[in-house]
Amino acid sequence: MATAKKAPAKKAPAKKAAPAKKAAPAKKAAPAKKAAPAKKAAPAKKVAAKKAPAKKRTPNAAFMKALAPSPALAAVVGSTPLPRTAIVSKLWDYIKKNNLQDKANKRMINADAKLKEIFGKGQVSMFELAALIGKHVK
């Protein structure tokens, strides 16, 4: 019976060989990396396939609604009712024509006499433009 108890003790060192098995999954990870580039190529084809049948976006009707500008805004863009997008476009044309973009920071717009009535201050950020125009259209 004593020999039977010793036999399991000999098996215990065999369990220490398990760390060698941990090294084996590391080897399996290397072939997985080789398979990964093949997977990347397949999604690229799918993306290209999705872009081909894509339809052109239709603009939101709210942006296309003609709005009447206030007298201060009409001095810059004209008095005829225009969509919001056209008003912003004409305003940018006026800004570029009169060189009103700040030379050092192109995101800032320096207001002249006409724009100061619209903006309410001497210099505004290009990101504030749409919000400031919203107050001058109906």
Protein backbone atom coordinates (compact mmCIF):
# COMPACT_ATOMS: atom_id res chain seq x y z
CA MET A 1 0.00 0.00 0.00
CA ALA A 2 2.83 2.32 0.66
CA THR A 3 3.92 2.01 -2.96
CA ALA A 4 0.49 3.02 -4.15
CA LYS A 5 0.75 6.26 -2.22
CA LYS A 6 4.13 6.99 -3.76
CA ALA A 7 2.85 6.57 -7.28
CA PRO A 8 0.54 9.63 -7.05
CA ALA A 9 3.46 11.60 -5.64
CA LYS A 10 5.37 10.84 -8.84
CA LYS A 11 2.45 12.09 -10.92
CA ALA A 12 2.59 15.48 -9.21
CA PRO A 13 5.83 16.45 -11.01
CA ALA A 14 4.09 15.52 -14.24
CA LYS A 15 1.59 18.32 -13.53
CA LYS A 16 4.49 20.76 -13.44
CA ALA A 17 4.93 20.01 -17.11
CA ALA A 18 1.68 21.96 -17.67
CA PRO A 19 3.54 25.28 -18.04
CA ALA A 20 5.06 23.80 -21.17
CA LYS A 21 1.50 23.57 -22.52
CA LYS A 22 1.03 27.30 -21.84
CA ALA A 23 3.87 27.97 -24.21
CA ALA A 24 2.04 26.00 -26.90
CA PRO A 25 -0.93 28.44 -27.04
CA ALA A 26 1.58 31.24 -27.59
CA LYS A 27 2.71 29.41 -30.71
CA LYS A 28 -0.91 29.12 -31.81
CA ALA A 29 -1.31 32.89 -31.45
CA ALA A 30 1.40 33.49 -34.06
CA PRO A 31 -0.52 31.69 -36.85
CA ALA A 32 -3.63 33.64 -35.81
CA LYS A 33 -1.77 36.86 -36.60
CA LYS A 34 -1.07 35.55 -40.07
CA ALA A 35 -4.79 34.92 -40.54
CA ALA A 36 -5.70 38.43 -39.34
CA PRO A 37 -4.41 40.27 -42.45
CA ALA A 38 -6.58 38.02 -44.59
CA LYS A 39 -9.61 39.02 -42.49
CA LYS A 40 -8.78 42.72 -42.92
CA ALA A 41 -8.83 42.38 -46.68
CA ALA A 42 -12.32 40.85 -46.66
CA PRO A 43 -14.03 43.72 -44.75
CA ALA A 44 -12.43 46.24 -47.11
CA LYS A 45 -14.25 44.57 -49.99
CA LYS A 46 -17.50 44.69 -48.06
CA VAL A 47 -17.08 48.43 -47.38
CA ALA A 48 -16.48 49.09 -51.06
CA ALA A 49 -19.59 47.09 -51.91
CA LYS A 50 -21.66 49.15 -49.47
CA LYS A 51 -20.48 52.48 -50.92
CA ALA A 52 -21.38 51.60 -54.50
CA PRO A 53 -25.18 51.35 -54.09
CA ALA A 54 -25.36 54.31 -51.66
CA LYS A 55 -27.87 56.92 -52.79
CA LYS A 56 -27.30 60.66 -52.74
CA ARG A 57 -28.60 62.32 -49.57
CA THR A 58 -31.64 64.51 -49.85
CA PRO A 59 -31.38 67.76 -47.89
CA ASN A 60 -33.62 68.38 -44.92
CA ALA A 61 -36.67 70.44 -45.90
CA ALA A 62 -36.12 72.78 -42.94
CA PHE A 63 -32.83 73.96 -44.46
CA MET A 64 -34.46 74.59 -47.84
CA LYS A 65 -37.31 76.73 -46.48
CA ALA A 66 -37.00 80.32 -47.71
CA LEU A 67 -36.54 82.77 -44.84
CA ALA A 68 -36.91 86.55 -44.97
CA PRO A 69 -33.80 88.35 -43.68
CA SER A 70 -34.00 91.27 -41.25
CA PRO A 71 -33.10 94.74 -42.60
CA ALA A 72 -29.59 94.48 -41.07
CA LEU A 73 -28.97 91.10 -42.70
CA ALA A 74 -30.61 92.23 -45.96
CA ALA A 75 -27.88 94.88 -46.29
CA VAL A 76 -25.35 92.04 -46.67
CA VAL A 77 -27.22 89.17 -48.41
CA GLY A 78 -30.09 90.94 -50.17
CA SER A 79 -33.76 91.38 -49.30
CA THR A 80 -35.20 88.37 -51.14
CA PRO A 81 -36.19 85.33 -49.03
CA LEU A 82 -33.45 82.70 -49.13
CA PRO A 83 -32.85 79.28 -47.57
CA ARG A 84 -30.64 79.27 -44.49
CA THR A 85 -27.83 77.57 -46.43
CA ALA A 86 -27.85 80.27 -49.10
CA ILE A 87 -27.79 83.00 -46.45
CA VAL A 88 -24.70 81.48 -44.84
CA SER A 89 -23.07 81.08 -48.25
CA LYS A 90 -23.71 84.73 -49.23
CA LEU A 91 -22.47 85.87 -45.85
CA TRP A 92 -19.19 83.98 -46.39
CA ASP A 93 -18.90 85.51 -49.86
CA TYR A 94 -19.21 88.97 -48.27
CA ILE A 95 -16.64 88.10 -45.57
CA LYS A 96 -14.09 86.85 -48.12
CA LYS A 97 -14.72 89.71 -50.56
CA ASN A 98 -14.01 92.30 -47.85
CA ASN A 99 -11.11 90.35 -46.23
CA LEU A 100 -12.84 90.20 -42.85
CA GLN A 101 -11.26 86.95 -41.66
CA ASP A 102 -8.65 87.52 -38.99
CA LYS A 103 -5.15 87.14 -40.45
CA ALA A 104 -3.68 85.35 -37.43
CA ASN A 105 -6.67 83.15 -36.57
CA LYS A 106 -8.77 82.34 -39.64
CA ARG A 107 -11.60 81.00 -37.45
CA MET A 108 -12.37 84.51 -36.26
CA ILE A 109 -14.33 87.04 -38.29
CA ASN A 110 -13.73 90.77 -37.82
CA ALA A 111 -16.99 92.67 -38.20
CA ASP A 112 -17.27 95.80 -40.30
CA ALA A 113 -20.14 98.31 -39.83
CA LYS A 114 -22.75 96.11 -41.59
CA LEU A 115 -21.75 92.90 -39.80
CA LYS A 116 -21.50 94.60 -36.41
CA GLU A 117 -25.27 95.22 -36.59
CA ILE A 118 -25.84 91.50 -37.16
CA PHE A 119 -23.24 90.13 -34.73
CA GLY A 120 -23.59 92.69 -31.96
CA LYS A 121 -19.83 92.65 -31.33
CA GLY A 122 -16.60 93.39 -33.16
CA GLN A 123 -15.29 89.84 -33.62
CA VAL A 124 -17.04 86.44 -33.70
CA SER A 125 -16.00 82.84 -34.23
CA MET A 126 -17.06 81.14 -37.45
CA PHE A 127 -18.89 78.59 -35.28
CA GLU A 128 -21.14 81.30 -33.83
CA LEU A 129 -22.20 82.43 -37.28
CA ALA A 130 -25.27 80.19 -37.70
CA ALA A 131 -26.61 81.05 -34.24
CA LEU A 132 -26.23 84.76 -34.87
CA ILE A 133 -27.96 84.52 -38.25
CA GLY A 134 -30.89 82.66 -36.66
CA LYS A 135 -31.84 85.83 -34.81
CA HIS A 136 -32.09 87.80 -38.08
CA VAL A 137 -34.34 85.53 -40.17
CA LYS A 138 -38.05 84.76 -40.08
